[in-house]
Amino acid sequence: MLPRIYYKGHELWTETPYVIPEYSFSVRVESEPVLSYEHSEFKWCSETEARTLLEYDSNKIAAWELFQRLRV
């Protein structure tokens, strides 16, 4: 869950969700990703680099789990 204050325009929300559910997924990528309008760039990186780039604990935990699963 992430606090709503992290989202642009949250001041205009008429309903009162104070936290937003966050989900993490992994997929096998076999070609270069095509980004939606919500994203301007992406980056392939190592586990160490990912740890330094990620801001939120929930993202760091999801990345940690992914790298653990890839080691198996």
C-alpha atoms as a PDB file:
ATOM      1  CA  MET A   1       0.000   0.000   0.000  1.00  0.00           C
ATOM      2  CA  LEU A   2       1.194   3.507  -0.800  1.00  0.00           C
ATOM      3  CA  PRO A   3      -0.134   6.721   0.735  1.00  0.00           C
ATOM      4  CA  ARG A   4      -2.247   8.727  -1.681  1.00  0.00           C
ATOM      5  CA  ILE A   5       0.039  11.755  -1.283  1.00  0.00           C
ATOM      6  CA  TYR A   6       2.538  10.051  -3.620  1.00  0.00           C
ATOM      7  CA  TYR A   7       0.121  10.446  -6.553  1.00  0.00           C
ATOM      8  CA  LYS A   8      -0.148  13.565  -8.664  1.00  0.00           C
ATOM      9  CA  GLY A   9      -3.513  15.282  -8.289  1.00  0.00           C
ATOM     10  CA  HIS A  10      -4.508  13.481  -5.082  1.00  0.00           C
ATOM     11  CA  GLU A  11      -5.764  16.790  -3.694  1.00  0.00           C
ATOM     12  CA  LEU A  12      -8.597  16.672  -6.241  1.00  0.00           C
ATOM     13  CA  TRP A  13      -9.802  13.174  -5.375  1.00  0.00           C
ATOM     14  CA  THR A  14     -13.389  13.328  -4.168  1.00  0.00           C
ATOM     15  CA  GLU A  15     -13.436   9.926  -2.470  1.00  0.00           C
ATOM     16  CA  THR A  16     -11.192   9.230   0.490  1.00  0.00           C
ATOM     17  CA  PRO A  17      -8.819   6.372  -0.253  1.00  0.00           C
ATOM     18  CA  TYR A  18      -5.910   7.128   2.039  1.00  0.00           C
ATOM     19  CA  VAL A  19      -3.757   4.273   0.809  1.00  0.00           C
ATOM     20  CA  ILE A  20      -3.576   2.733  -2.647  1.00  0.00           C
ATOM     21  CA  PRO A  21      -3.020  -1.008  -3.148  1.00  0.00           C
ATOM     22  CA  GLU A  22       0.228  -1.837  -4.891  1.00  0.00           C
ATOM     23  CA  TYR A  23       0.871  -5.046  -6.842  1.00  0.00           C
ATOM     24  CA  SER A  24       4.078  -6.531  -8.193  1.00  0.00           C
ATOM     25  CA  PHE A  25       4.404  -8.944 -11.101  1.00  0.00           C
ATOM     26  CA  SER A  26       7.246 -10.477 -13.022  1.00  0.00           C
ATOM     27  CA  VAL A  27       7.259 -11.735 -16.590  1.00  0.00           C
ATOM     28  CA  ARG A  28       9.762 -13.233 -18.986  1.00  0.00           C
ATOM     29  CA  VAL A  29      10.736 -10.515 -21.460  1.00  0.00           C
ATOM     30  CA  GLU A  30      11.886 -11.628 -24.887  1.00  0.00           C
ATOM     31  CA  SER A  31      11.987  -8.262 -26.678  1.00  0.00           C
ATOM     32  CA  GLU A  32      12.391  -4.608 -25.800  1.00  0.00           C
ATOM     33  CA  PRO A  33       9.402  -3.321 -23.785  1.00  0.00           C
ATOM     34  CA  VAL A  34       6.980  -0.802 -25.270  1.00  0.00           C
ATOM     35  CA  LEU A  35       6.170   1.867 -22.705  1.00  0.00           C
ATOM     36  CA  SER A  36       2.735   3.309 -22.051  1.00  0.00           C
ATOM     37  CA  TYR A  37       2.137   7.044 -21.603  1.00  0.00           C
ATOM     38  CA  GLU A  38       2.631   6.574 -17.843  1.00  0.00           C
ATOM     39  CA  HIS A  39       6.343   5.840 -18.294  1.00  0.00           C
ATOM     40  CA  SER A  40       9.133   7.736 -20.011  1.00  0.00           C
ATOM     41  CA  GLU A  41      12.017   5.262 -19.665  1.00  0.00           C
ATOM     42  CA  PHE A  42      13.085   1.866 -18.367  1.00  0.00           C
ATOM     43  CA  LYS A  43      16.378   0.330 -17.389  1.00  0.00           C
ATOM     44  CA  TRP A  44      17.773  -3.188 -17.112  1.00  0.00           C
ATOM     45  CA  CYS A  45      19.893  -3.430 -13.977  1.00  0.00           C
ATOM     46  CA  SER A  46      21.522  -5.781 -11.533  1.00  0.00           C
ATOM     47  CA  GLU A  47      20.094  -6.622  -8.135  1.00  0.00           C
ATOM     48  CA  THR A  48      22.556  -4.264  -6.459  1.00  0.00           C
ATOM     49  CA  GLU A  49      21.712  -1.386  -8.771  1.00  0.00           C
ATOM     50  CA  ALA A  50      17.964  -2.019  -8.421  1.00  0.00           C
ATOM     51  CA  ARG A  51      18.309  -1.804  -4.651  1.00  0.00           C
ATOM     52  CA  THR A  52      19.917   1.633  -4.921  1.00  0.00           C
ATOM     53  CA  LEU A  53      17.403   2.956  -7.467  1.00  0.00           C
ATOM     54  CA  LEU A  54      14.183   1.849  -5.771  1.00  0.00           C
ATOM     55  CA  GLU A  55      12.656   4.328  -3.356  1.00  0.00           C
ATOM     56  CA  TYR A  56       9.833   2.504  -1.600  1.00  0.00           C
ATOM     57  CA  ASP A  57      10.317  -0.448   0.744  1.00  0.00           C
ATOM     58  CA  SER A  58       7.490  -2.345  -0.930  1.00  0.00           C
ATOM     59  CA  ASN A  59       9.343  -2.158  -4.274  1.00  0.00           C
ATOM     60  CA  LYS A  60      12.615  -3.220  -2.646  1.00  0.00           C
ATOM     61  CA  ILE A  61      10.918  -6.232  -1.065  1.00  0.00           C
ATOM     62  CA  ALA A  62       9.332  -7.234  -4.377  1.00  0.00           C
ATOM     63  CA  ALA A  63      12.690  -6.936  -6.163  1.00  0.00           C
ATOM     64  CA  TRP A  64      14.404  -8.955  -3.431  1.00  0.00           C
ATOM     65  CA  GLU A  65      11.828 -11.734  -3.798  1.00  0.00           C
ATOM     66  CA  LEU A  66      12.209 -11.754  -7.582  1.00  0.00           C
ATOM     67  CA  PHE A  67      15.984 -12.057  -7.429  1.00  0.00           C
ATOM     68  CA  GLN A  68      15.666 -14.867  -4.862  1.00  0.00           C
ATOM     69  CA  ARG A  69      13.318 -16.741  -7.187  1.00  0.00           C
ATOM     70  CA  LEU A  70      15.657 -16.242 -10.161  1.00  0.00           C
ATOM     71  CA  ARG A  71      18.500 -17.871  -8.219  1.00  0.00           C
ATOM     72  CA  VAL A  72      16.569 -21.142  -7.806  1.00  0.00           C
END
